[in-house]
Amino acid sequence: MNLHAFCYLGLLRFPEQLELSLALLPEGQKAEAGNILASVKDLPKTELLQKWSRLRDDERAAVRQNAYRQFGIRLDDMVPSVKEGCLSWLADQNG
């Protein structure tokens, strides 16, 4: 699980429940998530959205690179409907 994504989305969608949600994380991730939350909880919503967007872009780029490296598939050359399905499948395989 990407703890940055957990904190960004939690602050954007369910800020009043995020700190309680940290208790649901495995022991090894609670402290790290708490540190991330402490560093971003006072950021404006626009900055959280930008960070979330960058994170998603970085993850998609990594999936694209992995697809090409492992299978020789260039996702950007596919039609959009097939590309989205492949991205989803590849993300599930690596997640």
PDB file of N, CA and C in Angstrom:
ATOM      1  N   MET A   1       0.837  -1.168   0.000  1.00  0.00           N
ATOM      2  CA  MET A   1       0.000   0.000   0.000  1.00  0.00           C
ATOM      3  C   MET A   1       0.887   1.237   0.000  1.00  0.00           C
ATOM      4  N   ASN A   2       0.515   2.196  -0.795  1.00  0.00           N
ATOM      5  CA  ASN A   2       1.240   3.456  -0.835  1.00  0.00           C
ATOM      6  C   ASN A   2       0.689   4.354   0.268  1.00  0.00           C
ATOM      7  N   LEU A   3       1.496   4.588   1.278  1.00  0.00           N
ATOM      8  CA  LEU A   3       1.037   5.359   2.426  1.00  0.00           C
ATOM      9  C   LEU A   3       0.834   6.837   2.113  1.00  0.00           C
ATOM     10  N   HIS A   4       1.572   7.351   1.133  1.00  0.00           N
ATOM     11  CA  HIS A   4       1.334   8.729   0.711  1.00  0.00           C
ATOM     12  C   HIS A   4      -0.074   8.843   0.118  1.00  0.00           C
ATOM     13  N   ALA A   5      -0.417   7.899  -0.745  1.00  0.00           N
ATOM     14  CA  ALA A   5      -1.762   7.909  -1.336  1.00  0.00           C
ATOM     15  C   ALA A   5      -2.817   7.777  -0.249  1.00  0.00           C
ATOM     16  N   PHE A   6      -2.587   6.913   0.722  1.00  0.00           N
ATOM     17  CA  PHE A   6      -3.512   6.726   1.837  1.00  0.00           C
ATOM     18  C   PHE A   6      -3.763   8.058   2.548  1.00  0.00           C
ATOM     19  N   CYS A   7      -2.692   8.783   2.830  1.00  0.00           N
ATOM     20  CA  CYS A   7      -2.821  10.059   3.541  1.00  0.00           C
ATOM     21  C   CYS A   7      -3.435  11.148   2.666  1.00  0.00           C
ATOM     22  N   TYR A   8      -2.995  11.249   1.415  1.00  0.00           N
ATOM     23  CA  TYR A   8      -3.556  12.279   0.534  1.00  0.00           C
ATOM     24  C   TYR A   8      -5.050  12.084   0.348  1.00  0.00           C
ATOM     25  N   LEU A   9      -5.436  10.865   0.001  1.00  0.00           N
ATOM     26  CA  LEU A   9      -6.859  10.602  -0.226  1.00  0.00           C
ATOM     27  C   LEU A   9      -7.663  10.736   1.054  1.00  0.00           C
ATOM     28  N   GLY A  10      -7.088  10.280   2.144  1.00  0.00           N
ATOM     29  CA  GLY A  10      -7.785  10.421   3.416  1.00  0.00           C
ATOM     30  C   GLY A  10      -8.056  11.872   3.756  1.00  0.00           C
ATOM     31  N   LEU A  11      -7.067  12.726   3.562  1.00  0.00           N
ATOM     32  CA  LEU A  11      -7.253  14.154   3.839  1.00  0.00           C
ATOM     33  C   LEU A  11      -8.222  14.813   2.867  1.00  0.00           C
ATOM     34  N   LEU A  12      -8.217  14.357   1.629  1.00  0.00           N
ATOM     35  CA  LEU A  12      -9.108  14.947   0.631  1.00  0.00           C
ATOM     36  C   LEU A  12     -10.554  14.470   0.773  1.00  0.00           C
ATOM     37  N   ARG A  13     -10.741  13.197   1.114  1.00  0.00           N
ATOM     38  CA  ARG A  13     -12.090  12.619   1.113  1.00  0.00           C
ATOM     39  C   ARG A  13     -12.709  12.466   2.502  1.00  0.00           C
ATOM     40  N   PHE A  14     -11.896  12.085   3.489  1.00  0.00           N
ATOM     41  CA  PHE A  14     -12.425  11.774   4.823  1.00  0.00           C
ATOM     42  C   PHE A  14     -11.503  12.321   5.918  1.00  0.00           C
ATOM     43  N   PRO A  15     -11.251  13.616   5.911  1.00  0.00           N
ATOM     44  CA  PRO A  15     -10.261  14.157   6.852  1.00  0.00           C
ATOM     45  C   PRO A  15     -10.599  13.897   8.321  1.00  0.00           C
ATOM     46  N   GLU A  16     -11.881  13.906   8.639  1.00  0.00           N
ATOM     47  CA  GLU A  16     -12.277  13.713  10.037  1.00  0.00           C
ATOM     48  C   GLU A  16     -12.078  12.270  10.503  1.00  0.00           C
ATOM     49  N   GLN A  17     -11.921  11.339   9.581  1.00  0.00           N
ATOM     50  CA  GLN A  17     -11.771   9.930   9.931  1.00  0.00           C
ATOM     51  C   GLN A  17     -10.356   9.391   9.716  1.00  0.00           C
ATOM     52  N   LEU A  18      -9.484  10.201   9.144  1.00  0.00           N
ATOM     53  CA  LEU A  18      -8.167   9.686   8.752  1.00  0.00           C
ATOM     54  C   LEU A  18      -7.337   9.231   9.942  1.00  0.00           C
ATOM     55  N   GLU A  19      -7.252  10.030  10.975  1.00  0.00           N
ATOM     56  CA  GLU A  19      -6.407   9.635  12.103  1.00  0.00           C
ATOM     57  C   GLU A  19      -6.907   8.337  12.733  1.00  0.00           C
ATOM     58  N   LEU A  20      -8.215   8.150  12.817  1.00  0.00           N
ATOM     59  CA  LEU A  20      -8.760   6.896  13.330  1.00  0.00           C
ATOM     60  C   LEU A  20      -8.442   5.739  12.381  1.00  0.00           C
ATOM     61  N   SER A  21      -8.414   6.026  11.090  1.00  0.00           N
ATOM     62  CA  SER A  21      -8.135   4.988  10.094  1.00  0.00           C
ATOM     63  C   SER A  21      -6.700   4.481  10.177  1.00  0.00           C
ATOM     64  N   LEU A  22      -5.795   5.306  10.685  1.00  0.00           N
ATOM     65  CA  LEU A  22      -4.407   4.870  10.825  1.00  0.00           C
ATOM     66  C   LEU A  22      -4.301   3.634  11.717  1.00  0.00           C
ATOM     67  N   ALA A  23      -5.221   3.495  12.647  1.00  0.00           N
ATOM     68  CA  ALA A  23      -5.198   2.343  13.555  1.00  0.00           C
ATOM     69  C   ALA A  23      -5.451   1.034  12.811  1.00  0.00           C
ATOM     70  N   LEU A  24      -6.043   1.103  11.626  1.00  0.00           N
ATOM     71  CA  LEU A  24      -6.330  -0.098  10.848  1.00  0.00           C
ATOM     72  C   LEU A  24      -5.109  -0.621  10.088  1.00  0.00           C
ATOM     73  N   LEU A  25      -4.082   0.193   9.996  1.00  0.00           N
ATOM     74  CA  LEU A  25      -2.875  -0.206   9.264  1.00  0.00           C
ATOM     75  C   LEU A  25      -2.077  -1.231  10.057  1.00  0.00           C
ATOM     76  N   PRO A  26      -1.309  -2.060   9.359  1.00  0.00           N
ATOM     77  CA  PRO A  26      -0.412  -2.993  10.061  1.00  0.00           C
ATOM     78  C   PRO A  26       0.579  -2.226  10.930  1.00  0.00           C
ATOM     79  N   GLU A  27       1.022  -2.848  11.989  1.00  0.00           N
ATOM     80  CA  GLU A  27       1.915  -2.192  12.951  1.00  0.00           C
ATOM     81  C   GLU A  27       3.109  -1.502  12.284  1.00  0.00           C
ATOM     82  N   GLY A  28       3.716  -2.161  11.337  1.00  0.00           N
ATOM     83  CA  GLY A  28       4.904  -1.607  10.693  1.00  0.00           C
ATOM     84  C   GLY A  28       4.651  -0.361   9.869  1.00  0.00           C
ATOM     85  N   GLN A  29       3.403  -0.073   9.549  1.00  0.00           N
ATOM     86  CA  GLN A  29       3.089   1.071   8.697  1.00  0.00           C
ATOM     87  C   GLN A  29       2.466   2.235   9.464  1.00  0.00           C
ATOM     88  N   LYS A  30       2.015   2.009  10.673  1.00  0.00           N
ATOM     89  CA  LYS A  30       1.338   3.069  11.433  1.00  0.00           C
ATOM     90  C   LYS A  30       2.224   4.286  11.666  1.00  0.00           C
ATOM     91  N   ALA A  31       3.438   4.060  12.121  1.00  0.00           N
ATOM     92  CA  ALA A  31       4.341   5.176  12.424  1.00  0.00           C
ATOM     93  C   ALA A  31       4.701   5.942  11.162  1.00  0.00           C
ATOM     94  N   GLU A  32       4.991   5.212  10.096  1.00  0.00           N
ATOM     95  CA  GLU A  32       5.341   5.877   8.833  1.00  0.00           C
ATOM     96  C   GLU A  32       4.179   6.711   8.319  1.00  0.00           C
ATOM     97  N   ALA A  33       2.968   6.147   8.359  1.00  0.00           N
ATOM     98  CA  ALA A  33       1.795   6.885   7.914  1.00  0.00           C
ATOM     99  C   ALA A  33       1.544   8.100   8.808  1.00  0.00           C
ATOM    100  N   GLY A  34       1.775   7.947  10.110  1.00  0.00           N
ATOM    101  CA  GLY A  34       1.626   9.072  11.023  1.00  0.00           C
ATOM    102  C   GLY A  34       2.588  10.198  10.704  1.00  0.00           C
ATOM    103  N   ASN A  35       3.824   9.847  10.343  1.00  0.00           N
ATOM    104  CA  ASN A  35       4.815  10.861   9.961  1.00  0.00           C
ATOM    105  C   ASN A  35       4.420  11.569   8.669  1.00  0.00           C
ATOM    106  N   ILE A  36       3.930  10.801   7.697  1.00  0.00           N
ATOM    107  CA  ILE A  36       3.486  11.401   6.436  1.00  0.00           C
ATOM    108  C   ILE A  36       2.320  12.341   6.697  1.00  0.00           C
ATOM    109  N   LEU A  37       1.364  11.862   7.479  1.00  0.00           N
ATOM    110  CA  LEU A  37       0.194  12.685   7.794  1.00  0.00           C
ATOM    111  C   LEU A  37       0.604  13.976   8.480  1.00  0.00           C
ATOM    112  N   ALA A  38       1.506  13.888   9.439  1.00  0.00           N
ATOM    113  CA  ALA A  38       1.967  15.091  10.140  1.00  0.00           C
ATOM    114  C   ALA A  38       2.600  16.092   9.187  1.00  0.00           C
ATOM    115  N   SER A  39       3.278  15.591   8.156  1.00  0.00           N
ATOM    116  CA  SER A  39       3.967  16.496   7.228  1.00  0.00           C
ATOM    117  C   SER A  39       3.038  17.120   6.184  1.00  0.00           C
ATOM    118  N   VAL A  40       1.850  16.539   5.976  1.00  0.00           N
ATOM    119  CA  VAL A  40       0.972  17.060   4.919  1.00  0.00           C
ATOM    120  C   VAL A  40      -0.395  17.539   5.404  1.00  0.00           C
ATOM    121  N   LYS A  41      -0.721  17.328   6.663  1.00  0.00           N
ATOM    122  CA  LYS A  41      -2.095  17.604   7.101  1.00  0.00           C
ATOM    123  C   LYS A  41      -2.475  19.079   7.063  1.00  0.00           C
ATOM    124  N   ASP A  42      -1.516  19.977   7.101  1.00  0.00           N
ATOM    125  CA  ASP A  42      -1.829  21.408   7.072  1.00  0.00           C
ATOM    126  C   ASP A  42      -1.714  22.028   5.681  1.00  0.00           C
ATOM    127  N   LEU A  43      -1.452  21.203   4.676  1.00  0.00           N
ATOM    128  CA  LEU A  43      -1.343  21.722   3.312  1.00  0.00           C
ATOM    129  C   LEU A  43      -2.719  22.106   2.783  1.00  0.00           C
ATOM    130  N   PRO A  44      -2.773  23.121   1.928  1.00  0.00           N
ATOM    131  CA  PRO A  44      -4.057  23.467   1.306  1.00  0.00           C
ATOM    132  C   PRO A  44      -4.538  22.330   0.402  1.00  0.00           C
ATOM    133  N   LYS A  45      -5.834  22.269   0.214  1.00  0.00           N
ATOM    134  CA  LYS A  45      -6.429  21.215  -0.603  1.00  0.00           C
ATOM    135  C   LYS A  45      -5.849  21.193  -2.015  1.00  0.00           C
ATOM    136  N   THR A  46      -5.576  22.365  -2.576  1.00  0.00           N
ATOM    137  CA  THR A  46      -5.020  22.417  -3.937  1.00  0.00           C
ATOM    138  C   THR A  46      -3.654  21.730  -3.998  1.00  0.00           C
ATOM    139  N   GLU A  47      -2.840  21.909  -2.962  1.00  0.00           N
ATOM    140  CA  GLU A  47      -1.530  21.274  -2.958  1.00  0.00           C
ATOM    141  C   GLU A  47      -1.650  19.757  -2.768  1.00  0.00           C
ATOM    142  N   LEU A  48      -2.592  19.329  -1.938  1.00  0.00           N
ATOM    143  CA  LEU A  48      -2.835  17.891  -1.779  1.00  0.00           C
ATOM    144  C   LEU A  48      -3.265  17.272  -3.107  1.00  0.00           C
ATOM    145  N   LEU A  49      -4.137  17.977  -3.830  1.00  0.00           N
ATOM    146  CA  LEU A  49      -4.574  17.488  -5.147  1.00  0.00           C
ATOM    147  C   LEU A  49      -3.402  17.379  -6.120  1.00  0.00           C
ATOM    148  N   GLN A  50      -2.511  18.365  -6.088  1.00  0.00           N
ATOM    149  CA  GLN A  50      -1.334  18.323  -6.956  1.00  0.00           C
ATOM    150  C   GLN A  50      -0.426  17.150  -6.601  1.00  0.00           C
ATOM    151  N   LYS A  51      -0.210  16.922  -5.313  1.00  0.00           N
ATOM    152  CA  LYS A  51       0.621  15.806  -4.884  1.00  0.00           C
ATOM    153  C   LYS A  51      -0.002  14.473  -5.279  1.00  0.00           C
ATOM    154  N   TRP A  52      -1.312  14.351  -5.103  1.00  0.00           N
ATOM    155  CA  TRP A  52      -2.032  13.133  -5.486  1.00  0.00           C
ATOM    156  C   TRP A  52      -1.910  12.906  -6.995  1.00  0.00           C
ATOM    157  N   SER A  53      -2.077  13.965  -7.764  1.00  0.00           N
ATOM    158  CA  SER A  53      -1.986  13.870  -9.217  1.00  0.00           C
ATOM    159  C   SER A  53      -0.582  13.441  -9.648  1.00  0.00           C
ATOM    160  N   ARG A  54       0.457  14.040  -9.054  1.00  0.00           N
ATOM    161  CA  ARG A  54       1.830  13.662  -9.373  1.00  0.00           C
ATOM    162  C   ARG A  54       2.099  12.206  -9.017  1.00  0.00           C
ATOM    163  N   LEU A  55       1.586  11.790  -7.888  1.00  0.00           N
ATOM    164  CA  LEU A  55       1.768  10.406  -7.454  1.00  0.00           C
ATOM    165  C   LEU A  55       1.140   9.445  -8.454  1.00  0.00           C
ATOM    166  N   ARG A  56      -0.067   9.735  -8.896  1.00  0.00           N
ATOM    167  CA  ARG A  56      -0.739   8.895  -9.887  1.00  0.00           C
ATOM    168  C   ARG A  56       0.030   8.877 -11.203  1.00  0.00           C
ATOM    169  N   ASP A  57       0.508  10.037 -11.637  1.00  0.00           N
ATOM    170  CA  ASP A  57       1.285  10.103 -12.879  1.00  0.00           C
ATOM    171  C   ASP A  57       2.563   9.268 -12.769  1.00  0.00           C
ATOM    172  N   ASP A  58       3.243   9.368 -11.641  1.00  0.00           N
ATOM    173  CA  ASP A  58       4.477   8.593 -11.431  1.00  0.00           C
ATOM    174  C   ASP A  58       4.187   7.093 -11.437  1.00  0.00           C
ATOM    175  N   GLU A  59       3.098   6.694 -10.793  1.00  0.00           N
ATOM    176  CA  GLU A  59       2.755   5.272 -10.747  1.00  0.00           C
ATOM    177  C   GLU A  59       2.383   4.752 -12.134  1.00  0.00           C
ATOM    178  N   ARG A  60       1.641   5.532 -12.896  1.00  0.00           N
ATOM    179  CA  ARG A  60       1.293   5.118 -14.256  1.00  0.00           C
ATOM    180  C   ARG A  60       2.539   5.009 -15.131  1.00  0.00           C
ATOM    181  N   ALA A  61       3.457   5.944 -14.996  1.00  0.00           N
ATOM    182  CA  ALA A  61       4.700   5.886 -15.772  1.00  0.00           C
ATOM    183  C   ALA A  61       5.494   4.631 -15.413  1.00  0.00           C
ATOM    184  N   ALA A  62       5.519   4.284 -14.139  1.00  0.00           N
ATOM    185  CA  ALA A  62       6.242   3.083 -13.716  1.00  0.00           C
ATOM    186  C   ALA A  62       5.591   1.831 -14.290  1.00  0.00           C
ATOM    187  N   VAL A  63       4.264   1.791 -14.331  1.00  0.00           N
ATOM    188  CA  VAL A  63       3.561   0.638 -14.905  1.00  0.00           C
ATOM    189  C   VAL A  63       3.858   0.545 -16.399  1.00  0.00           C
ATOM    190  N   ARG A  64       3.856   1.683 -17.092  1.00  0.00           N
ATOM    191  CA  ARG A  64       4.155   1.689 -18.533  1.00  0.00           C
ATOM    192  C   ARG A  64       5.563   1.159 -18.791  1.00  0.00           C
ATOM    193  N   GLN A  65       6.520   1.639 -18.011  1.00  0.00           N
ATOM    194  CA  GLN A  65       7.906   1.189 -18.178  1.00  0.00           C
ATOM    195  C   GLN A  65       8.030  -0.300 -17.888  1.00  0.00           C
ATOM    196  N   ASN A  66       7.357  -0.755 -16.852  1.00  0.00           N
ATOM    197  CA  ASN A  66       7.398  -2.162 -16.490  1.00  0.00           C
ATOM    198  C   ASN A  66       6.782  -3.025 -17.592  1.00  0.00           C
ATOM    199  N   ALA A  67       5.683  -2.569 -18.174  1.00  0.00           N
ATOM    200  CA  ALA A  67       5.032  -3.324 -19.252  1.00  0.00           C
ATOM    201  C   ALA A  67       5.968  -3.460 -20.449  1.00  0.00           C
ATOM    202  N   TYR A  68       6.657  -2.387 -20.767  1.00  0.00           N
ATOM    203  CA  TYR A  68       7.565  -2.448 -21.911  1.00  0.00           C
ATOM    204  C   TYR A  68       8.771  -3.337 -21.600  1.00  0.00           C
ATOM    205  N   ARG A  69       9.316  -3.187 -20.405  1.00  0.00           N
ATOM    206  CA  ARG A  69      10.498  -3.966 -20.015  1.00  0.00           C
ATOM    207  C   ARG A  69      10.171  -5.464 -19.947  1.00  0.00           C
ATOM    208  N   GLN A  70       9.037  -5.817 -19.374  1.00  0.00           N
ATOM    209  CA  GLN A  70       8.703  -7.234 -19.194  1.00  0.00           C
ATOM    210  C   GLN A  70       8.101  -7.880 -20.429  1.00  0.00           C
ATOM    211  N   PHE A  71       7.246  -7.137 -21.151  1.00  0.00           N
ATOM    212  CA  PHE A  71       6.471  -7.753 -22.224  1.00  0.00           C
ATOM    213  C   PHE A  71       6.672  -7.131 -23.598  1.00  0.00           C
ATOM    214  N   GLY A  72       7.434  -6.036 -23.674  1.00  0.00           N
ATOM    215  CA  GLY A  72       7.618  -5.369 -24.951  1.00  0.00           C
ATOM    216  C   GLY A  72       6.364  -4.658 -25.439  1.00  0.00           C
ATOM    217  N   ILE A  73       5.461  -4.336 -24.524  1.00  0.00           N
ATOM    218  CA  ILE A  73       4.195  -3.687 -24.871  1.00  0.00           C
ATOM    219  C   ILE A  73       4.331  -2.181 -24.676  1.00  0.00           C
ATOM    220  N   ARG A  74       4.029  -1.439 -25.733  1.00  0.00           N
ATOM    221  CA  ARG A  74       3.993   0.021 -25.621  1.00  0.00           C
ATOM    222  C   ARG A  74       2.531   0.419 -25.409  1.00  0.00           C
ATOM    223  N   LEU A  75       2.207   0.735 -24.174  1.00  0.00           N
ATOM    224  CA  LEU A  75       0.820   1.044 -23.839  1.00  0.00           C
ATOM    225  C   LEU A  75       0.308   2.295 -24.538  1.00  0.00           C
ATOM    226  N   ASP A  76       1.187   3.249 -24.785  1.00  0.00           N
ATOM    227  CA  ASP A  76       0.751   4.489 -25.425  1.00  0.00           C
ATOM    228  C   ASP A  76       0.329   4.291 -26.876  1.00  0.00           C
ATOM    229  N   ASP A  77       0.726   3.168 -27.483  1.00  0.00           N
ATOM    230  CA  ASP A  77       0.332   2.893 -28.861  1.00  0.00           C
ATOM    231  C   ASP A  77      -1.017   2.183 -28.962  1.00  0.00           C
ATOM    232  N   MET A  78      -1.590   1.789 -27.842  1.00  0.00           N
ATOM    233  CA  MET A  78      -2.862   1.060 -27.845  1.00  0.00           C
ATOM    234  C   MET A  78      -4.045   2.024 -27.891  1.00  0.00           C
ATOM    235  N   VAL A  79      -5.169   1.507 -28.339  1.00  0.00           N
ATOM    236  CA  VAL A  79      -6.389   2.304 -28.287  1.00  0.00           C
ATOM    237  C   VAL A  79      -6.755   2.509 -26.822  1.00  0.00           C
ATOM    238  N   PRO A  80      -7.382   3.637 -26.489  1.00  0.00           N
ATOM    239  CA  PRO A  80      -7.633   3.959 -25.080  1.00  0.00           C
ATOM    240  C   PRO A  80      -8.363   2.880 -24.281  1.00  0.00           C
ATOM    241  N   SER A  81      -9.367   2.248 -24.855  1.00  0.00           N
ATOM    242  CA  SER A  81     -10.123   1.259 -24.084  1.00  0.00           C
ATOM    243  C   SER A  81      -9.260   0.048 -23.730  1.00  0.00           C
ATOM    244  N   VAL A  82      -8.405  -0.373 -24.631  1.00  0.00           N
ATOM    245  CA  VAL A  82      -7.513  -1.504 -24.366  1.00  0.00           C
ATOM    246  C   VAL A  82      -6.402  -1.075 -23.405  1.00  0.00           C
ATOM    247  N   LYS A  83      -5.898   0.136 -23.595  1.00  0.00           N
ATOM    248  CA  LYS A  83      -4.818   0.636 -22.743  1.00  0.00           C
ATOM    249  C   LYS A  83      -5.256   0.687 -21.284  1.00  0.00           C
ATOM    250  N   GLU A  84      -6.434   1.201 -21.015  1.00  0.00           N
ATOM    251  CA  GLU A  84      -6.914   1.296 -19.636  1.00  0.00           C
ATOM    252  C   GLU A  84      -7.062  -0.086 -19.005  1.00  0.00           C
ATOM    253  N   GLY A  85      -7.555  -1.037 -19.772  1.00  0.00           N
ATOM    254  CA  GLY A  85      -7.670  -2.408 -19.271  1.00  0.00           C
ATOM    255  C   GLY A  85      -6.312  -3.002 -18.949  1.00  0.00           C
ATOM    256  N   CYS A  86      -5.334  -2.779 -19.824  1.00  0.00           N
ATOM    257  CA  CYS A  86      -3.979  -3.292 -19.592  1.00  0.00           C
ATOM    258  C   CYS A  86      -3.333  -2.621 -18.383  1.00  0.00           C
ATOM    259  N   LEU A  87      -3.516  -1.308 -18.253  1.00  0.00           N
ATOM    260  CA  LEU A  87      -2.967  -0.604 -17.093  1.00  0.00           C
ATOM    261  C   LEU A  87      -3.548  -1.159 -15.799  1.00  0.00           C
ATOM    262  N   SER A  88      -4.831  -1.390 -15.813  1.00  0.00           N
ATOM    263  CA  SER A  88      -5.490  -1.929 -14.627  1.00  0.00           C
ATOM    264  C   SER A  88      -4.954  -3.316 -14.296  1.00  0.00           C
ATOM    265  N   TRP A  89      -4.842  -4.157 -15.307  1.00  0.00           N
ATOM    266  CA  TRP A  89      -4.338  -5.513 -15.100  1.00  0.00           C
ATOM    267  C   TRP A  89      -2.905  -5.491 -14.588  1.00  0.00           C
ATOM    268  N   LEU A  90      -2.064  -4.674 -15.216  1.00  0.00           N
ATOM    269  CA  LEU A  90      -0.665  -4.600 -14.799  1.00  0.00           C
ATOM    270  C   LEU A  90      -0.528  -4.053 -13.375  1.00  0.00           C
ATOM    271  N   ALA A  91      -1.357  -3.074 -13.033  1.00  0.00           N
ATOM    272  CA  ALA A  91      -1.321  -2.540 -11.678  1.00  0.00           C
ATOM    273  C   ALA A  91      -1.706  -3.599 -10.663  1.00  0.00           C
ATOM    274  N   ASP A  92      -2.695  -4.424 -11.014  1.00  0.00           N
ATOM    275  CA  ASP A  92      -3.117  -5.523 -10.123  1.00  0.00           C
ATOM    276  C   ASP A  92      -2.007  -6.551  -9.971  1.00  0.00           C
ATOM    277  N   GLN A  93      -1.254  -6.798 -11.035  1.00  0.00           N
ATOM    278  CA  GLN A  93      -0.180  -7.792 -10.981  1.00  0.00           C
ATOM    279  C   GLN A  93       0.979  -7.316 -10.118  1.00  0.00           C
ATOM    280  N   ASN A  94       1.202  -6.001 -10.109  1.00  0.00           N
ATOM    281  CA  ASN A  94       2.342  -5.445  -9.375  1.00  0.00           C
ATOM    282  C   ASN A  94       1.971  -4.949  -7.991  1.00  0.00           C
ATOM    283  N   GLY A  95       0.683  -4.880  -7.695  1.00  0.00           N
ATOM    284  CA  GLY A  95       0.247  -4.288  -6.436  1.00  0.00           C
ATOM    285  C   GLY A  95       0.186  -5.236  -5.337  1.00  0.00           C
TER     286      GLY A  95
END
